[in-house]
Amino acid sequence: MRKALIGGIGNVLLGDDGVGPYTVRILESMYDFEAGVEIIDLGTPALDLTHQIVGLKALILVDSVASDDPAGTLALFTKEDILRDTPAERLDPHSPALAECLMTASMLGAMPQNVLLVGIAGKCYEPGHPLSAAVRQSVGPAIEAVLQELQRLGFKYQKKASPDEPGIWWSDHEYSGPVETLG
C-alpha cells in the first residue's frame, strides 16, 4: 500500500521547468526506499493528480517555482502554504492544479496528511534548453530536503552502494552534485 509519494513535476523539454523530474530520477538512482514509498515523474499534471494523492500519509513534490530569488534558490511550501496562497499567488506553474487537487482530496476525506513542495527558482524556460547551471546545483539540496522530510515522518531509506543509471534522456549533463549528508 502506498504511504508516501515523491513526485517530480515539470516539462523536461522546457529548460528549468524539468528540474522536478530530473531531481526525482537522481534521488531514485541514489537511494532505496521502504515499501510504500513511491517515486514518480508526474510530468505536468492537471486535476488528474487527485487520483495519485488521495489517502497518502505524505506527498512530497519537487517543482520549479516562480520567484524573484536567484535561480537555484530553494523554497519549501507546506500544505497550508499551498492552500493559503491559492488562487491569489501562483507558487509555480502547476500550483493552481495542485491546490485544486488538494481541495478535492479534502472533500473526499482523503487529503494527504503531510504535504511538502520543494520549490526551486528557475531561470530559463525555453524549449530545448537544458537545466541552467544554478538550477542543476540546487538538485543536491533539494534531495536533502526530500530526505529530511521522509526522516521527519519516520520513513526509511538507504543510500545505494552503487548508484543506478538515472535514465535522464533529455539532458546531456551528468549529475555530479553532493548528496552525502544524509543516509
N, C-alpha and C. Protein backbone atom coordinates (compact mmCIF):
# COMPACT_ATOMS: atom_id res chain seq x y z
N MET A 1 0.84 -1.19 0.00
CA MET A 1 0.00 0.00 0.00
C MET A 1 0.88 1.26 0.00
N ARG A 2 0.52 2.22 -0.85
CA ARG A 2 1.28 3.46 -0.92
C ARG A 2 1.03 4.30 0.32
N LYS A 3 2.11 4.73 0.94
CA LYS A 3 2.01 5.62 2.09
C LYS A 3 2.59 6.99 1.78
N ALA A 4 3.56 7.01 0.86
CA ALA A 4 4.22 8.28 0.52
C ALA A 4 4.48 8.31 -0.98
N LEU A 5 4.30 9.49 -1.54
CA LEU A 5 4.58 9.71 -2.95
C LEU A 5 5.57 10.86 -3.05
N ILE A 6 6.67 10.62 -3.75
CA ILE A 6 7.64 11.66 -4.06
C ILE A 6 7.51 11.89 -5.55
N GLY A 7 7.06 13.07 -5.93
CA GLY A 7 6.79 13.33 -7.34
C GLY A 7 7.57 14.51 -7.88
N GLY A 8 8.09 14.32 -9.08
CA GLY A 8 8.74 15.40 -9.80
C GLY A 8 7.76 15.99 -10.78
N ILE A 9 7.55 17.30 -10.71
CA ILE A 9 6.60 17.98 -11.59
C ILE A 9 7.37 18.87 -12.54
N GLY A 10 6.97 18.86 -13.81
CA GLY A 10 7.57 19.77 -14.78
C GLY A 10 7.68 19.16 -16.16
N ASN A 11 7.90 20.04 -17.12
CA ASN A 11 8.09 19.65 -18.51
C ASN A 11 9.59 19.60 -18.80
N VAL A 12 10.10 18.40 -19.05
CA VAL A 12 11.54 18.21 -19.22
C VAL A 12 12.08 18.87 -20.49
N LEU A 13 11.20 19.29 -21.39
CA LEU A 13 11.62 19.91 -22.64
C LEU A 13 11.69 21.43 -22.55
N LEU A 14 11.38 21.98 -21.37
CA LEU A 14 11.35 23.44 -21.20
C LEU A 14 12.37 23.92 -20.18
N GLY A 15 13.61 23.58 -20.38
CA GLY A 15 14.69 24.08 -19.53
C GLY A 15 14.49 23.80 -18.06
N ASP A 16 14.53 24.84 -17.23
CA ASP A 16 14.46 24.68 -15.78
C ASP A 16 13.12 24.14 -15.29
N ASP A 17 12.10 24.14 -16.12
CA ASP A 17 10.82 23.54 -15.72
C ASP A 17 10.98 22.05 -15.46
N GLY A 18 12.01 21.42 -16.03
CA GLY A 18 12.23 19.99 -15.86
C GLY A 18 12.98 19.60 -14.61
N VAL A 19 13.22 20.54 -13.70
CA VAL A 19 14.01 20.23 -12.51
C VAL A 19 13.33 19.20 -11.60
N GLY A 20 12.02 19.18 -11.55
CA GLY A 20 11.32 18.19 -10.71
C GLY A 20 11.59 16.77 -11.16
N PRO A 21 11.28 16.45 -12.43
CA PRO A 21 11.58 15.09 -12.90
C PRO A 21 13.07 14.75 -12.81
N TYR A 22 13.93 15.70 -13.12
CA TYR A 22 15.38 15.47 -13.03
C TYR A 22 15.77 15.08 -11.60
N THR A 23 15.27 15.84 -10.63
CA THR A 23 15.63 15.60 -9.23
C THR A 23 15.14 14.24 -8.74
N VAL A 24 13.90 13.87 -9.05
CA VAL A 24 13.40 12.59 -8.54
C VAL A 24 14.10 11.41 -9.20
N ARG A 25 14.52 11.57 -10.44
CA ARG A 25 15.27 10.48 -11.08
C ARG A 25 16.65 10.32 -10.45
N ILE A 26 17.31 11.42 -10.12
CA ILE A 26 18.59 11.34 -9.41
C ILE A 26 18.37 10.71 -8.04
N LEU A 27 17.37 11.16 -7.32
CA LEU A 27 17.04 10.62 -5.99
C LEU A 27 16.83 9.10 -6.06
N GLU A 28 16.01 8.67 -6.99
CA GLU A 28 15.70 7.24 -7.10
C GLU A 28 16.93 6.42 -7.51
N SER A 29 17.84 7.03 -8.27
CA SER A 29 19.04 6.30 -8.68
C SER A 29 20.03 6.14 -7.53
N MET A 30 19.93 7.00 -6.52
CA MET A 30 20.91 7.01 -5.43
C MET A 30 20.44 6.35 -4.13
N TYR A 31 19.12 6.17 -3.97
CA TYR A 31 18.58 5.67 -2.71
C TYR A 31 17.56 4.57 -2.93
N ASP A 32 17.49 3.65 -1.95
CA ASP A 32 16.42 2.66 -1.86
C ASP A 32 15.48 3.12 -0.76
N PHE A 33 14.19 2.88 -0.96
CA PHE A 33 13.18 3.33 -0.01
C PHE A 33 12.35 2.15 0.48
N GLU A 34 11.81 2.30 1.67
CA GLU A 34 10.96 1.23 2.22
C GLU A 34 9.73 1.03 1.35
N ALA A 35 9.12 -0.13 1.49
CA ALA A 35 7.89 -0.43 0.76
C ALA A 35 6.85 0.63 1.11
N GLY A 36 6.09 1.04 0.13
CA GLY A 36 5.07 2.05 0.36
C GLY A 36 5.49 3.45 -0.03
N VAL A 37 6.79 3.64 -0.33
CA VAL A 37 7.27 4.94 -0.80
C VAL A 37 7.44 4.82 -2.31
N GLU A 38 6.70 5.63 -3.04
CA GLU A 38 6.73 5.58 -4.50
C GLU A 38 7.32 6.88 -5.04
N ILE A 39 8.15 6.75 -6.07
CA ILE A 39 8.77 7.91 -6.71
C ILE A 39 8.29 7.95 -8.15
N ILE A 40 7.73 9.10 -8.56
CA ILE A 40 7.12 9.21 -9.88
C ILE A 40 7.50 10.54 -10.53
N ASP A 41 7.76 10.46 -11.83
CA ASP A 41 7.85 11.66 -12.67
C ASP A 41 6.40 11.96 -13.07
N LEU A 42 5.83 13.00 -12.51
CA LEU A 42 4.42 13.33 -12.73
C LEU A 42 4.19 14.18 -13.97
N GLY A 43 5.26 14.62 -14.62
CA GLY A 43 5.08 15.46 -15.80
C GLY A 43 4.43 16.78 -15.42
N THR A 44 3.45 17.21 -16.19
CA THR A 44 2.73 18.46 -15.92
C THR A 44 1.27 18.12 -15.61
N PRO A 45 1.00 17.70 -14.40
CA PRO A 45 -0.35 17.23 -14.07
C PRO A 45 -1.36 18.36 -14.01
N ALA A 46 -2.59 17.96 -14.21
CA ALA A 46 -3.72 18.87 -14.01
C ALA A 46 -4.56 18.24 -12.91
N LEU A 47 -5.85 18.29 -13.03
CA LEU A 47 -6.70 17.73 -11.99
C LEU A 47 -6.60 16.22 -11.87
N ASP A 48 -5.97 15.56 -12.85
CA ASP A 48 -5.75 14.12 -12.77
C ASP A 48 -4.78 13.75 -11.64
N LEU A 49 -4.10 14.74 -11.09
CA LEU A 49 -3.21 14.48 -9.95
C LEU A 49 -3.99 13.98 -8.74
N THR A 50 -5.25 14.33 -8.63
CA THR A 50 -6.05 13.95 -7.46
C THR A 50 -5.99 12.46 -7.20
N HIS A 51 -6.15 11.64 -8.24
CA HIS A 51 -6.17 10.19 -8.01
C HIS A 51 -4.82 9.66 -7.53
N GLN A 52 -3.75 10.41 -7.76
CA GLN A 52 -2.42 10.00 -7.29
C GLN A 52 -2.21 10.30 -5.80
N ILE A 53 -2.93 11.28 -5.27
CA ILE A 53 -2.59 11.78 -3.93
C ILE A 53 -3.58 11.39 -2.84
N VAL A 54 -4.75 10.88 -3.20
CA VAL A 54 -5.75 10.59 -2.17
C VAL A 54 -5.24 9.52 -1.20
N GLY A 55 -5.46 9.77 0.08
CA GLY A 55 -5.17 8.80 1.12
C GLY A 55 -3.71 8.64 1.51
N LEU A 56 -2.82 9.45 1.00
CA LEU A 56 -1.41 9.33 1.34
C LEU A 56 -1.12 9.87 2.74
N LYS A 57 -0.11 9.30 3.38
CA LYS A 57 0.40 9.90 4.61
C LYS A 57 1.27 11.11 4.24
N ALA A 58 2.04 10.96 3.15
CA ALA A 58 2.96 12.04 2.78
C ALA A 58 3.00 12.23 1.27
N LEU A 59 2.95 13.47 0.86
CA LEU A 59 3.12 13.87 -0.53
C LEU A 59 4.26 14.87 -0.56
N ILE A 60 5.33 14.52 -1.28
CA ILE A 60 6.48 15.41 -1.41
C ILE A 60 6.68 15.65 -2.90
N LEU A 61 6.61 16.90 -3.30
CA LEU A 61 6.75 17.26 -4.70
C LEU A 61 7.96 18.16 -4.89
N VAL A 62 8.62 18.00 -6.04
CA VAL A 62 9.73 18.87 -6.42
C VAL A 62 9.34 19.53 -7.72
N ASP A 63 9.44 20.87 -7.78
CA ASP A 63 9.00 21.61 -8.95
C ASP A 63 9.75 22.93 -9.04
N SER A 64 9.79 23.47 -10.23
CA SER A 64 10.30 24.81 -10.45
C SER A 64 9.24 25.79 -9.94
N VAL A 65 9.67 26.87 -9.32
CA VAL A 65 8.71 27.84 -8.79
C VAL A 65 8.98 29.23 -9.33
N ALA A 66 7.92 30.00 -9.45
CA ALA A 66 8.04 31.41 -9.83
C ALA A 66 8.58 32.17 -8.62
N SER A 67 9.65 32.91 -8.83
CA SER A 67 10.28 33.60 -7.71
C SER A 67 11.14 34.74 -8.23
N ASP A 68 11.28 35.77 -7.40
CA ASP A 68 12.21 36.86 -7.69
C ASP A 68 13.61 36.53 -7.17
N ASP A 69 13.73 35.39 -6.48
CA ASP A 69 15.03 34.97 -5.95
C ASP A 69 15.93 34.50 -7.09
N PRO A 70 17.23 34.46 -6.87
CA PRO A 70 18.14 33.97 -7.90
C PRO A 70 17.84 32.51 -8.27
N ALA A 71 18.12 32.17 -9.51
CA ALA A 71 17.90 30.79 -9.98
C ALA A 71 18.63 29.82 -9.06
N GLY A 72 17.96 28.73 -8.77
CA GLY A 72 18.53 27.70 -7.91
C GLY A 72 18.16 27.85 -6.45
N THR A 73 17.54 28.96 -6.07
CA THR A 73 17.13 29.16 -4.68
C THR A 73 16.01 28.18 -4.33
N LEU A 74 16.14 27.50 -3.19
CA LEU A 74 15.11 26.57 -2.72
C LEU A 74 14.13 27.28 -1.82
N ALA A 75 12.87 26.89 -1.94
CA ALA A 75 11.82 27.35 -1.02
C ALA A 75 10.95 26.15 -0.71
N LEU A 76 10.61 25.98 0.56
CA LEU A 76 9.77 24.86 0.98
C LEU A 76 8.37 25.37 1.30
N PHE A 77 7.36 24.69 0.75
CA PHE A 77 5.97 25.08 0.96
C PHE A 77 5.22 23.90 1.56
N THR A 78 4.52 24.15 2.65
CA THR A 78 3.69 23.12 3.27
C THR A 78 2.31 23.12 2.64
N LYS A 79 1.50 22.18 3.04
CA LYS A 79 0.12 22.10 2.56
C LYS A 79 -0.61 23.41 2.87
N GLU A 80 -0.39 23.94 4.04
CA GLU A 80 -1.06 25.18 4.44
C GLU A 80 -0.63 26.34 3.54
N ASP A 81 0.66 26.40 3.21
CA ASP A 81 1.16 27.44 2.32
C ASP A 81 0.49 27.35 0.95
N ILE A 82 0.41 26.16 0.43
CA ILE A 82 -0.15 25.94 -0.90
C ILE A 82 -1.62 26.33 -0.94
N LEU A 83 -2.36 25.95 0.08
CA LEU A 83 -3.79 26.25 0.11
C LEU A 83 -4.05 27.72 0.43
N ARG A 84 -3.21 28.32 1.24
CA ARG A 84 -3.38 29.73 1.63
C ARG A 84 -3.09 30.67 0.45
N ASP A 85 -2.08 30.37 -0.32
CA ASP A 85 -1.65 31.27 -1.39
C ASP A 85 -2.40 31.09 -2.70
N THR A 86 -3.37 30.22 -2.74
CA THR A 86 -4.10 29.98 -3.98
C THR A 86 -5.50 30.55 -3.83
N PRO A 87 -6.07 31.18 -4.80
CA PRO A 87 -5.52 31.38 -6.13
C PRO A 87 -4.81 32.71 -6.31
N ALA A 88 -4.68 33.50 -5.26
CA ALA A 88 -4.11 34.83 -5.41
C ALA A 88 -2.66 34.82 -5.90
N GLU A 89 -1.87 33.86 -5.42
CA GLU A 89 -0.46 33.84 -5.79
C GLU A 89 -0.10 32.45 -6.31
N ARG A 90 0.55 32.42 -7.45
CA ARG A 90 0.99 31.14 -8.01
C ARG A 90 2.39 30.84 -7.50
N LEU A 91 2.54 29.72 -6.81
CA LEU A 91 3.85 29.32 -6.31
C LEU A 91 4.71 28.76 -7.43
N ASP A 92 4.08 28.11 -8.38
CA ASP A 92 4.78 27.52 -9.51
C ASP A 92 3.78 27.41 -10.66
N PRO A 93 4.24 27.05 -11.86
CA PRO A 93 3.31 27.00 -12.99
C PRO A 93 2.19 25.98 -12.82
N HIS A 94 2.33 25.05 -11.87
CA HIS A 94 1.35 24.00 -11.71
C HIS A 94 0.52 24.14 -10.44
N SER A 95 0.79 25.17 -9.62
CA SER A 95 0.15 25.26 -8.31
C SER A 95 -1.36 25.37 -8.34
N PRO A 96 -1.99 26.02 -9.31
CA PRO A 96 -3.44 26.02 -9.28
C PRO A 96 -4.02 24.60 -9.32
N ALA A 97 -3.45 23.73 -10.15
CA ALA A 97 -3.93 22.35 -10.19
C ALA A 97 -3.61 21.64 -8.88
N LEU A 98 -2.45 21.89 -8.30
CA LEU A 98 -2.07 21.26 -7.04
C LEU A 98 -3.04 21.65 -5.93
N ALA A 99 -3.33 22.93 -5.80
CA ALA A 99 -4.26 23.39 -4.77
C ALA A 99 -5.64 22.79 -5.00
N GLU A 100 -6.12 22.79 -6.23
CA GLU A 100 -7.44 22.22 -6.51
C GLU A 100 -7.46 20.73 -6.22
N CYS A 101 -6.40 20.02 -6.53
CA CYS A 101 -6.34 18.59 -6.24
C CYS A 101 -6.34 18.33 -4.74
N LEU A 102 -5.63 19.15 -3.98
CA LEU A 102 -5.64 19.00 -2.52
C LEU A 102 -7.03 19.27 -1.96
N MET A 103 -7.69 20.30 -2.49
CA MET A 103 -9.05 20.61 -2.01
C MET A 103 -10.03 19.50 -2.39
N THR A 104 -9.88 18.94 -3.57
CA THR A 104 -10.74 17.83 -3.99
C THR A 104 -10.52 16.61 -3.10
N ALA A 105 -9.26 16.29 -2.84
CA ALA A 105 -8.94 15.17 -1.95
C ALA A 105 -9.53 15.41 -0.56
N SER A 106 -9.50 16.66 -0.11
CA SER A 106 -10.08 17.00 1.18
C SER A 106 -11.59 16.75 1.19
N MET A 107 -12.26 17.16 0.09
CA MET A 107 -13.71 16.92 0.01
C MET A 107 -14.03 15.44 0.01
N LEU A 108 -13.12 14.62 -0.48
CA LEU A 108 -13.30 13.16 -0.48
C LEU A 108 -12.91 12.55 0.86
N GLY A 109 -12.42 13.38 1.77
CA GLY A 109 -11.97 12.89 3.07
C GLY A 109 -10.66 12.14 2.99
N ALA A 110 -9.85 12.44 1.97
CA ALA A 110 -8.63 11.67 1.75
C ALA A 110 -7.44 12.54 1.39
N MET A 111 -7.39 13.76 1.95
CA MET A 111 -6.25 14.64 1.68
C MET A 111 -5.00 14.04 2.32
N PRO A 112 -3.85 14.13 1.64
CA PRO A 112 -2.62 13.65 2.27
C PRO A 112 -2.41 14.35 3.62
N GLN A 113 -1.94 13.58 4.59
CA GLN A 113 -1.72 14.14 5.92
C GLN A 113 -0.62 15.20 5.90
N ASN A 114 0.45 14.93 5.19
CA ASN A 114 1.60 15.83 5.12
C ASN A 114 1.91 16.14 3.67
N VAL A 115 2.10 17.42 3.37
CA VAL A 115 2.43 17.83 2.00
C VAL A 115 3.61 18.79 2.08
N LEU A 116 4.60 18.54 1.21
CA LEU A 116 5.74 19.44 1.10
C LEU A 116 6.04 19.63 -0.38
N LEU A 117 6.10 20.88 -0.80
CA LEU A 117 6.54 21.23 -2.14
C LEU A 117 7.94 21.82 -2.01
N VAL A 118 8.92 21.14 -2.61
CA VAL A 118 10.28 21.64 -2.66
C VAL A 118 10.37 22.44 -3.95
N GLY A 119 10.35 23.75 -3.81
CA GLY A 119 10.36 24.63 -4.97
C GLY A 119 11.75 25.13 -5.27
N ILE A 120 12.09 25.15 -6.55
CA ILE A 120 13.40 25.61 -6.99
C ILE A 120 13.19 26.75 -7.98
N ALA A 121 13.72 27.91 -7.66
CA ALA A 121 13.59 29.06 -8.56
C ALA A 121 14.33 28.77 -9.86
N GLY A 122 13.64 28.99 -10.98
CA GLY A 122 14.23 28.72 -12.29
C GLY A 122 14.74 29.99 -12.96
N LYS A 123 15.41 29.80 -14.09
CA LYS A 123 15.97 30.91 -14.84
C LYS A 123 15.52 30.88 -16.30
N CYS A 124 15.61 29.72 -16.94
CA CYS A 124 15.31 29.60 -18.37
C CYS A 124 14.23 28.54 -18.61
N TYR A 125 13.19 28.94 -19.31
CA TYR A 125 12.08 28.03 -19.59
C TYR A 125 11.86 27.88 -21.10
N GLU A 126 12.92 28.04 -21.86
CA GLU A 126 12.84 27.98 -23.32
C GLU A 126 12.89 26.54 -23.80
N PRO A 127 12.09 26.21 -24.81
CA PRO A 127 12.12 24.85 -25.37
C PRO A 127 13.52 24.47 -25.84
N GLY A 128 13.91 23.24 -25.53
CA GLY A 128 15.18 22.72 -26.00
C GLY A 128 16.39 23.08 -25.16
N HIS A 129 16.22 23.92 -24.15
CA HIS A 129 17.35 24.29 -23.30
C HIS A 129 17.49 23.29 -22.16
N PRO A 130 18.73 23.02 -21.72
CA PRO A 130 18.93 22.15 -20.56
C PRO A 130 18.67 22.94 -19.28
N LEU A 131 18.76 22.24 -18.15
CA LEU A 131 18.68 22.93 -16.86
C LEU A 131 19.83 23.93 -16.78
N SER A 132 19.56 25.11 -16.26
CA SER A 132 20.62 26.09 -16.06
C SER A 132 21.58 25.57 -14.99
N ALA A 133 22.80 26.05 -15.01
CA ALA A 133 23.82 25.60 -14.05
C ALA A 133 23.37 25.83 -12.61
N ALA A 134 22.76 26.99 -12.34
CA ALA A 134 22.32 27.30 -10.96
C ALA A 134 21.25 26.32 -10.50
N VAL A 135 20.35 25.94 -11.39
CA VAL A 135 19.29 25.00 -11.03
C VAL A 135 19.87 23.60 -10.85
N ARG A 136 20.79 23.19 -11.69
CA ARG A 136 21.44 21.89 -11.52
C ARG A 136 22.14 21.81 -10.16
N GLN A 137 22.74 22.93 -9.74
CA GLN A 137 23.43 22.94 -8.45
C GLN A 137 22.47 22.84 -7.27
N SER A 138 21.20 23.11 -7.49
CA SER A 138 20.21 23.03 -6.41
C SER A 138 19.66 21.62 -6.23
N VAL A 139 20.00 20.70 -7.12
CA VAL A 139 19.45 19.34 -7.04
C VAL A 139 19.86 18.65 -5.75
N GLY A 140 21.13 18.73 -5.37
CA GLY A 140 21.59 18.11 -4.11
C GLY A 140 20.83 18.63 -2.90
N PRO A 141 20.75 19.96 -2.71
CA PRO A 141 19.97 20.48 -1.59
C PRO A 141 18.48 20.09 -1.66
N ALA A 142 17.91 20.00 -2.86
CA ALA A 142 16.51 19.59 -2.98
C ALA A 142 16.35 18.14 -2.54
N ILE A 143 17.28 17.28 -2.92
CA ILE A 143 17.23 15.88 -2.49
C ILE A 143 17.37 15.81 -0.98
N GLU A 144 18.26 16.60 -0.42
CA GLU A 144 18.40 16.61 1.04
C GLU A 144 17.11 17.04 1.73
N ALA A 145 16.40 18.03 1.16
CA ALA A 145 15.12 18.47 1.74
C ALA A 145 14.10 17.33 1.70
N VAL A 146 14.06 16.59 0.60
CA VAL A 146 13.15 15.44 0.49
C VAL A 146 13.50 14.39 1.55
N LEU A 147 14.78 14.06 1.66
CA LEU A 147 15.21 13.05 2.63
C LEU A 147 14.94 13.49 4.07
N GLN A 148 15.14 14.76 4.36
CA GLN A 148 14.85 15.27 5.71
C GLN A 148 13.37 15.13 6.04
N GLU A 149 12.52 15.42 5.05
CA GLU A 149 11.07 15.28 5.29
C GLU A 149 10.70 13.82 5.50
N LEU A 150 11.26 12.92 4.71
CA LEU A 150 11.00 11.48 4.92
C LEU A 150 11.44 11.06 6.31
N GLN A 151 12.63 11.51 6.70
CA GLN A 151 13.16 11.17 8.02
C GLN A 151 12.25 11.73 9.12
N ARG A 152 11.80 12.96 8.97
CA ARG A 152 10.92 13.58 9.95
C ARG A 152 9.63 12.78 10.12
N LEU A 153 9.15 12.21 9.02
CA LEU A 153 7.90 11.46 9.05
C LEU A 153 8.08 9.99 9.38
N GLY A 154 9.32 9.57 9.59
CA GLY A 154 9.59 8.19 10.00
C GLY A 154 9.72 7.19 8.87
N PHE A 155 9.90 7.64 7.64
CA PHE A 155 10.10 6.72 6.52
C PHE A 155 11.57 6.34 6.44
N LYS A 156 11.82 5.09 6.07
CA LYS A 156 13.19 4.58 5.99
C LYS A 156 13.70 4.62 4.55
N TYR A 157 14.97 4.93 4.42
CA TYR A 157 15.64 4.91 3.13
C TYR A 157 17.11 4.59 3.38
N GLN A 158 17.79 4.18 2.32
CA GLN A 158 19.20 3.84 2.45
C GLN A 158 19.91 4.20 1.17
N LYS A 159 21.08 4.79 1.30
CA LYS A 159 21.90 5.16 0.14
C LYS A 159 22.39 3.87 -0.53
N LYS A 160 22.31 3.82 -1.84
CA LYS A 160 22.78 2.66 -2.60
C LYS A 160 24.30 2.65 -2.61
N ALA A 161 24.89 1.48 -2.51
CA ALA A 161 26.35 1.35 -2.56
C ALA A 161 26.87 1.81 -3.92
N SER A 162 26.10 1.53 -4.96
CA SER A 162 26.47 1.94 -6.31
C SER A 162 25.23 2.51 -6.98
N PRO A 163 25.22 3.81 -7.25
CA PRO A 163 24.01 4.42 -7.85
C PRO A 163 23.65 3.78 -9.19
N ASP A 164 22.35 3.73 -9.47
CA ASP A 164 21.84 3.26 -10.74
C ASP A 164 21.94 4.36 -11.78
N GLU A 165 21.81 4.00 -13.03
CA GLU A 165 21.72 4.98 -14.11
C GLU A 165 20.36 5.68 -13.96
N PRO A 166 20.33 7.02 -13.87
CA PRO A 166 19.06 7.71 -13.63
C PRO A 166 18.12 7.76 -14.84
N GLY A 167 18.59 7.45 -16.02
CA GLY A 167 17.71 7.45 -17.18
C GLY A 167 17.18 8.83 -17.56
N ILE A 168 18.03 9.81 -17.49
CA ILE A 168 17.64 11.18 -17.84
C ILE A 168 17.95 11.38 -19.31
N TRP A 169 17.01 11.03 -20.15
CA TRP A 169 17.21 11.03 -21.61
C TRP A 169 17.23 12.42 -22.22
N TRP A 170 16.68 13.39 -21.52
CA TRP A 170 16.54 14.73 -22.10
C TRP A 170 17.72 15.65 -21.80
N SER A 171 18.69 15.20 -21.05
CA SER A 171 19.80 16.07 -20.68
C SER A 171 21.13 15.36 -20.92
N ASP A 172 22.09 16.10 -21.42
CA ASP A 172 23.42 15.53 -21.61
C ASP A 172 24.34 15.87 -20.44
N HIS A 173 23.80 16.49 -19.40
CA HIS A 173 24.60 16.84 -18.22
C HIS A 173 24.50 15.72 -17.19
N GLU A 174 25.62 15.22 -16.78
CA GLU A 174 25.67 14.22 -15.72
C GLU A 174 25.52 14.93 -14.38
N TYR A 175 24.80 14.32 -13.45
CA TYR A 175 24.69 14.89 -12.12
C TYR A 175 25.98 14.61 -11.37
N SER A 176 26.56 15.65 -10.78
CA SER A 176 27.81 15.46 -10.03
C SER A 176 27.76 16.16 -8.69
N GLY A 177 26.59 16.56 -8.28
CA GLY A 177 26.47 17.30 -7.03
C GLY A 177 26.51 16.41 -5.81
N PRO A 178 26.68 17.01 -4.65
CA PRO A 178 26.77 16.25 -3.40
C PRO A 178 25.39 15.89 -2.86
N VAL A 179 25.30 14.70 -2.34
CA VAL A 179 24.17 14.26 -1.53
C VAL A 179 24.76 13.26 -0.56
N GLU A 180 25.55 13.76 0.34
CA GLU A 180 26.29 12.89 1.25
C GLU A 180 25.90 13.07 2.71
N THR A 181 25.15 14.10 3.04
CA THR A 181 24.94 14.41 4.45
C THR A 181 23.95 13.50 5.14
N LEU A 182 23.03 12.90 4.37
CA LEU A 182 22.03 12.02 4.97
C LEU A 182 22.22 10.62 4.44
N GLY A 183 21.81 9.64 5.20
CA GLY A 183 21.98 8.31 4.67
C GLY A 183 21.22 7.32 5.42
